[in-house]
Amino acid sequence: MTRHIAPFDNKNQPIVAEGNDVVPLMYFNRVVLQPGEEHQYNLSKHESCVVPVTGSCDVEVDGQQFESIGERKSLWEGMPNGVYVPVGSDCTIRCSDTPMELFIAGGVYEERLTPFAIRTDDIDKVQYGSDDTKTHRKIKHILGQANADKRGRLLVSELFTVGAGGWSGFPPHKHDTERPPIETRYEEVYQFRFNPDNGFGCQFDYLEDGGMGEPHHIKNGSTYMIDKGYHPCVAAPGYEMYYFTIIVGEHSKSLIQFFEPTHEYQVETIPGIKDMVAKFK
């Protein structure tokens, strides 16, 4: 199976289903609802997080109600909200009075925890890089360090390039081997969006320091699965790039990235990158 899934109408069916061949720890679904419509799901082996992209909804988890989740008209403005859904829980999402789009991010976990809402004030924000280094971006952590005591090994964030064009995931890094404190093994799924939406970029993946890999042409709505290797990406000039990021640890709750030795020195030259790395641990 290819790691790149081209944009398509998934009709509210999982884009990355349970037991995926490339990223077996992961789950990802994109759901579009009209006012009054519902979407129900139950993941027997995955903890998950419901994140409205646009619009608002009420979310019921095992009979517990979380009202008015989501407040954005555009993902490029405002802050995300979310609801954490434990393993094996019945979840019902009810669209409010405007059409909405939402993402469901899931990761394999063994323990059943307690559902909770993530509101605007709970989002952990990081901005780093610079226009000069072509690495300027901001991150909005939905499930991360701030709520580590409430979640399992599922990390969920929204990442944006700042400005028009630039690099992300740079210096190149990987997280495919469990060898703490140097690196921990995490699988990853991205869902890309561009502003304007005719924008595009390129996602790289390669296995060895200084190695060669197959580049992938990413567009608005592309999904990309990462099970191993270094994986930087770049947005074309004139376009802002967003990607919804799901990261799931195989064993550890702390993501430790291993930077490609050939380019690791740039960790010392990109403003604020060490703070970004710390937020994932």
Protein backbone atom coordinates (compact mmCIF):
# COMPACT_ATOMS: atom_id res chain seq x y z
CA MET A 1 0.00 0.00 0.00
CA THR A 2 1.27 3.47 -0.86
CA ARG A 3 1.96 5.88 1.97
CA HIS A 4 0.25 8.72 0.07
CA ILE A 5 -3.55 8.67 -0.20
CA ALA A 6 -4.68 11.17 -2.82
CA PRO A 7 -7.65 13.44 -2.03
CA PHE A 8 -11.02 11.73 -2.47
CA ASP A 9 -14.58 11.79 -1.11
CA ASN A 10 -14.43 9.20 1.67
CA LYS A 11 -18.17 9.53 2.38
CA ASN A 12 -17.54 9.54 6.16
CA GLN A 13 -15.76 6.17 5.98
CA PRO A 14 -12.30 5.81 7.58
CA ILE A 15 -9.41 6.98 5.40
CA VAL A 16 -6.99 5.03 7.61
CA ALA A 17 -9.03 2.15 9.02
CA GLU A 18 -8.27 -0.07 12.00
CA GLY A 19 -5.48 -2.54 11.22
CA ASN A 20 -4.04 -0.52 8.34
CA ASP A 21 -1.16 -2.36 6.62
CA VAL A 22 1.26 0.60 6.76
CA VAL A 23 0.38 2.13 10.14
CA PRO A 24 -1.40 -0.56 12.18
CA LEU A 25 -1.44 1.60 15.32
CA MET A 26 -3.39 4.40 13.63
CA TYR A 27 -6.96 5.42 12.79
CA PHE A 28 -8.14 8.47 10.86
CA ASN A 29 -11.52 9.54 9.55
CA ARG A 30 -12.84 12.71 7.96
CA VAL A 31 -16.55 13.31 8.57
CA VAL A 32 -18.82 15.91 6.95
CA LEU A 33 -22.22 16.57 8.54
CA GLN A 34 -25.19 18.77 7.78
CA PRO A 35 -27.25 20.47 10.53
CA GLY A 36 -29.00 17.85 12.65
CA GLU A 37 -27.06 14.90 11.24
CA GLU A 38 -25.20 12.43 13.45
CA HIS A 39 -22.12 10.24 13.18
CA GLN A 40 -21.58 7.30 15.52
CA TYR A 41 -18.53 5.14 16.08
CA ASN A 42 -16.86 2.78 18.56
CA LEU A 43 -13.19 1.78 18.32
CA SER A 44 -12.53 -1.38 20.31
CA LYS A 45 -8.72 -1.02 20.42
CA HIS A 46 -8.15 2.72 19.87
CA GLU A 47 -8.37 5.77 22.06
CA SER A 48 -9.46 8.68 19.87
CA CYS A 49 -10.04 12.40 19.63
CA VAL A 50 -12.86 14.24 17.82
CA VAL A 51 -11.66 17.56 16.37
CA PRO A 52 -14.00 19.88 14.43
CA VAL A 53 -12.29 21.51 11.45
CA THR A 54 -15.15 23.95 10.89
CA GLY A 55 -18.51 24.26 12.56
CA SER A 56 -19.77 23.07 15.92
CA CYS A 57 -21.20 19.87 17.38
CA ASP A 58 -22.36 18.17 20.55
CA VAL A 59 -20.45 14.99 21.43
CA GLU A 60 -21.82 12.18 23.59
CA VAL A 61 -19.36 9.61 24.97
CA ASP A 62 -20.85 6.67 26.87
CA GLY A 63 -23.77 8.87 27.91
CA GLN A 64 -21.64 11.86 28.97
CA GLN A 65 -22.47 15.07 27.09
CA PHE A 66 -19.98 17.62 25.77
CA GLU A 67 -21.80 20.56 24.20
CA SER A 68 -20.75 23.18 21.63
CA ILE A 69 -17.44 21.65 20.60
CA GLY A 70 -15.85 23.76 17.87
CA GLU A 71 -16.18 27.45 17.04
CA ARG A 72 -14.29 28.03 13.78
CA LYS A 73 -15.61 29.11 10.42
CA SER A 74 -12.20 28.40 8.88
CA LEU A 75 -9.31 26.26 10.07
CA TRP A 76 -7.00 29.18 9.22
CA GLU A 77 -8.55 31.29 11.97
CA GLY A 78 -9.26 30.64 15.63
CA MET A 79 -8.41 27.69 17.85
CA PRO A 80 -9.36 24.02 17.61
CA ASN A 81 -11.51 22.17 20.15
CA GLY A 82 -11.70 18.45 20.78
CA VAL A 83 -13.14 15.58 22.80
CA TYR A 84 -11.06 12.65 24.04
CA VAL A 85 -12.86 9.32 23.54
CA PRO A 86 -11.57 6.30 25.50
CA VAL A 87 -10.96 2.83 24.07
CA GLY A 88 -14.18 0.90 23.45
CA SER A 89 -16.48 3.87 24.05
CA ASP A 90 -19.67 4.65 22.15
CA CYS A 91 -19.36 8.09 20.59
CA THR A 92 -22.16 10.08 18.94
CA ILE A 93 -21.42 13.39 17.20
CA ARG A 94 -24.40 15.67 16.50
CA CYS A 95 -23.95 18.57 14.09
CA SER A 96 -25.30 21.92 15.30
CA ASP A 97 -26.95 24.57 13.13
CA THR A 98 -24.33 24.94 10.36
CA PRO A 99 -22.62 22.37 8.11
CA MET A 100 -19.42 21.03 9.61
CA GLU A 101 -16.29 19.05 8.87
CA LEU A 102 -14.44 17.12 11.57
CA PHE A 103 -11.49 14.79 11.99
CA ILE A 104 -11.35 11.67 14.16
CA ALA A 105 -7.82 10.69 15.22
CA GLY A 106 -7.16 7.33 16.85
CA GLY A 107 -4.32 5.30 18.28
CA VAL A 108 -4.06 1.79 19.73
CA TYR A 109 -4.05 1.77 23.53
CA GLU A 110 -4.66 -0.88 26.18
CA GLU A 111 -6.27 1.02 29.06
CA ARG A 112 -9.72 2.59 29.14
CA LEU A 113 -9.46 6.14 30.50
CA THR A 114 -12.02 8.92 31.09
CA PRO A 115 -13.48 11.17 28.37
CA PHE A 116 -12.81 14.91 28.53
CA ALA A 117 -13.21 18.03 26.40
CA ILE A 118 -10.39 20.22 25.10
CA ARG A 119 -11.56 23.83 24.84
CA THR A 120 -9.91 26.90 23.33
CA ASP A 121 -8.08 27.80 26.56
CA ASP A 122 -6.68 24.26 26.82
CA ILE A 123 -4.77 24.41 23.52
CA ASP A 124 -0.99 24.47 23.97
CA LYS A 125 0.51 26.81 21.34
CA VAL A 126 4.07 26.88 20.00
CA GLN A 127 5.59 29.08 17.29
CA TYR A 128 9.15 28.68 16.10
CA GLY A 129 11.48 29.04 13.15
CA SER A 130 11.89 32.16 11.05
CA ASP A 131 11.24 33.56 7.60
CA ASP A 132 15.00 33.75 7.06
CA THR A 133 15.46 30.02 7.66
CA LYS A 134 12.28 29.17 5.67
CA THR A 135 11.09 27.15 8.68
CA HIS A 136 8.53 29.50 10.26
CA ARG A 137 5.57 27.58 11.63
CA LYS A 138 3.10 27.35 14.49
CA ILE A 139 1.69 24.33 16.28
CA LYS A 140 -1.58 23.96 18.18
CA HIS A 141 -1.38 20.93 20.48
CA ILE A 142 -4.77 19.35 21.18
CA LEU A 143 -3.57 16.16 22.88
CA GLY A 144 -0.03 16.68 24.12
CA GLN A 145 2.12 17.47 27.09
CA ALA A 146 -0.52 19.60 28.84
CA ASN A 147 -2.97 16.69 29.17
CA ALA A 148 -0.47 13.78 29.27
CA ASP A 149 -1.99 12.50 32.52
CA LYS A 150 -5.41 12.09 30.84
CA ARG A 151 -4.45 10.39 27.57
CA GLY A 152 -2.54 7.31 26.49
CA ARG A 153 0.01 7.39 23.65
CA LEU A 154 -2.09 9.45 21.22
CA LEU A 155 -0.77 12.90 20.29
CA VAL A 156 -2.91 15.23 18.14
CA SER A 157 -1.85 18.63 16.79
CA GLU A 158 -2.51 21.16 14.06
CA LEU A 159 0.60 22.45 12.29
CA PHE A 160 0.82 25.50 10.03
CA THR A 161 3.54 26.96 7.88
CA VAL A 162 3.65 30.69 8.63
CA GLY A 163 3.77 32.93 5.56
CA ALA A 164 3.77 31.77 1.97
CA GLY A 165 5.77 28.62 1.41
CA GLY A 166 8.49 27.03 3.50
CA TRP A 167 9.72 23.84 5.13
CA SER A 168 8.23 21.74 7.89
CA GLY A 169 9.58 18.73 9.76
CA PHE A 170 13.04 20.21 9.31
CA PRO A 171 15.77 19.36 10.10
CA PRO A 172 14.70 15.89 8.91
CA HIS A 173 13.92 13.57 11.78
CA LYS A 174 12.57 10.09 12.38
CA HIS A 175 10.94 8.15 15.21
CA ASP A 176 10.84 4.54 14.05
CA THR A 177 13.04 2.80 16.65
CA GLU A 178 12.42 2.28 20.36
CA ARG A 179 15.73 3.27 21.97
CA PRO A 180 15.10 5.87 24.67
CA PRO A 181 16.47 8.38 25.55
CA ILE A 182 17.69 8.76 21.92
CA GLU A 183 14.47 7.93 20.06
CA THR A 184 11.02 6.41 20.59
CA ARG A 185 8.89 4.58 18.02
CA TYR A 186 5.82 6.46 16.81
CA GLU A 187 3.65 6.05 13.73
CA GLU A 188 2.19 9.18 12.15
CA VAL A 189 -0.61 10.31 9.83
CA TYR A 190 -0.97 13.74 8.19
CA GLN A 191 -4.02 15.32 6.51
CA PHE A 192 -2.93 18.32 4.42
CA ARG A 193 -4.74 21.54 3.54
CA PHE A 194 -3.51 24.57 1.60
CA ASN A 195 -4.44 28.25 1.53
CA PRO A 196 -5.42 29.10 -1.19
CA ASP A 197 -6.72 25.57 -1.71
CA ASN A 198 -5.09 25.15 -5.13
CA GLY A 199 -1.72 25.10 -3.35
CA PHE A 200 0.56 22.09 -3.21
CA GLY A 201 3.73 20.78 -1.65
CA CYS A 202 6.04 17.80 -1.50
CA GLN A 203 6.38 15.14 1.18
CA PHE A 204 9.69 13.27 1.36
CA ASP A 205 10.53 9.98 3.05
CA TYR A 206 13.83 8.12 3.11
CA LEU A 207 15.50 5.62 5.42
CA GLU A 208 19.20 6.39 5.68
CA ASP A 209 21.25 9.43 6.64
CA GLY A 210 21.95 11.16 3.34
CA GLY A 211 19.80 8.61 1.51
CA MET A 212 17.40 8.96 -1.38
CA GLY A 213 13.66 8.53 -1.14
CA GLU A 214 10.54 8.84 -3.26
CA PRO A 215 8.96 12.34 -3.17
CA HIS A 216 5.17 12.62 -3.10
CA HIS A 217 3.15 15.45 -4.62
CA ILE A 218 0.71 16.54 -1.90
CA LYS A 219 -2.41 18.63 -2.49
CA ASN A 220 -5.40 19.92 -0.56
CA GLY A 221 -6.90 16.85 1.12
CA SER A 222 -3.89 14.56 0.75
CA THR A 223 -3.34 12.03 3.54
CA TYR A 224 0.13 10.69 4.27
CA MET A 225 1.11 7.71 6.47
CA ILE A 226 4.54 7.45 8.11
CA ASP A 227 5.78 4.20 9.62
CA LYS A 228 9.53 4.75 9.31
CA GLY A 229 12.28 6.98 8.01
CA TYR A 230 13.00 10.70 7.75
CA HIS A 231 10.01 12.74 6.54
CA PRO A 232 10.40 16.50 5.92
CA CYS A 233 7.87 18.32 3.73
CA VAL A 234 7.70 21.66 1.94
CA ALA A 235 4.97 24.02 0.73
CA ALA A 236 5.25 25.79 -2.62
CA PRO A 237 5.88 29.57 -2.63
CA GLY A 238 2.70 31.63 -2.27
CA TYR A 239 0.80 29.01 -0.23
CA GLU A 240 0.21 28.42 3.45
CA MET A 241 0.21 24.75 4.44
CA TYR A 242 -1.73 23.09 7.26
CA TYR A 243 -1.53 19.54 8.37
CA PHE A 244 -3.57 17.72 10.95
CA THR A 245 -1.05 15.52 12.74
CA ILE A 246 -1.78 12.22 14.49
CA ILE A 247 1.16 10.55 16.24
CA VAL A 248 0.83 7.26 18.12
CA GLY A 249 3.52 5.65 20.25
CA GLU A 250 4.04 1.91 20.21
CA HIS A 251 5.38 1.82 23.78
CA SER A 252 6.13 5.34 25.06
CA LYS A 253 3.94 8.36 25.90
CA SER A 254 6.89 10.64 25.09
CA LEU A 255 7.86 11.33 21.48
CA ILE A 256 11.65 11.56 21.13
CA GLN A 257 12.72 12.60 17.63
CA PHE A 258 16.07 11.57 16.15
CA PHE A 259 17.42 14.23 13.80
CA GLU A 260 19.26 13.14 10.67
CA PRO A 261 22.96 13.51 11.54
CA THR A 262 23.80 15.18 8.20
CA HIS A 263 21.47 18.10 9.03
CA GLU A 264 21.30 17.99 12.83
CA TYR A 265 23.49 21.07 13.25
CA GLN A 266 20.58 23.23 12.10
CA VAL A 267 18.82 22.51 15.40
CA GLU A 268 21.23 25.16 16.72
CA THR A 269 20.35 27.72 14.02
CA ILE A 270 16.53 27.55 13.81
CA PRO A 271 14.97 29.86 16.45
CA GLY A 272 12.79 28.14 19.03
CA ILE A 273 13.08 24.60 17.66
CA LYS A 274 14.28 23.18 20.97
CA ASP A 275 11.10 24.44 22.64
CA MET A 276 9.07 22.71 19.90
CA VAL A 277 10.90 19.42 20.48
CA ALA A 278 10.31 19.67 24.23
CA LYS A 279 6.56 20.11 23.76
CA PHE A 280 6.31 16.64 22.17
CA LYS A 281 8.12 14.90 25.04
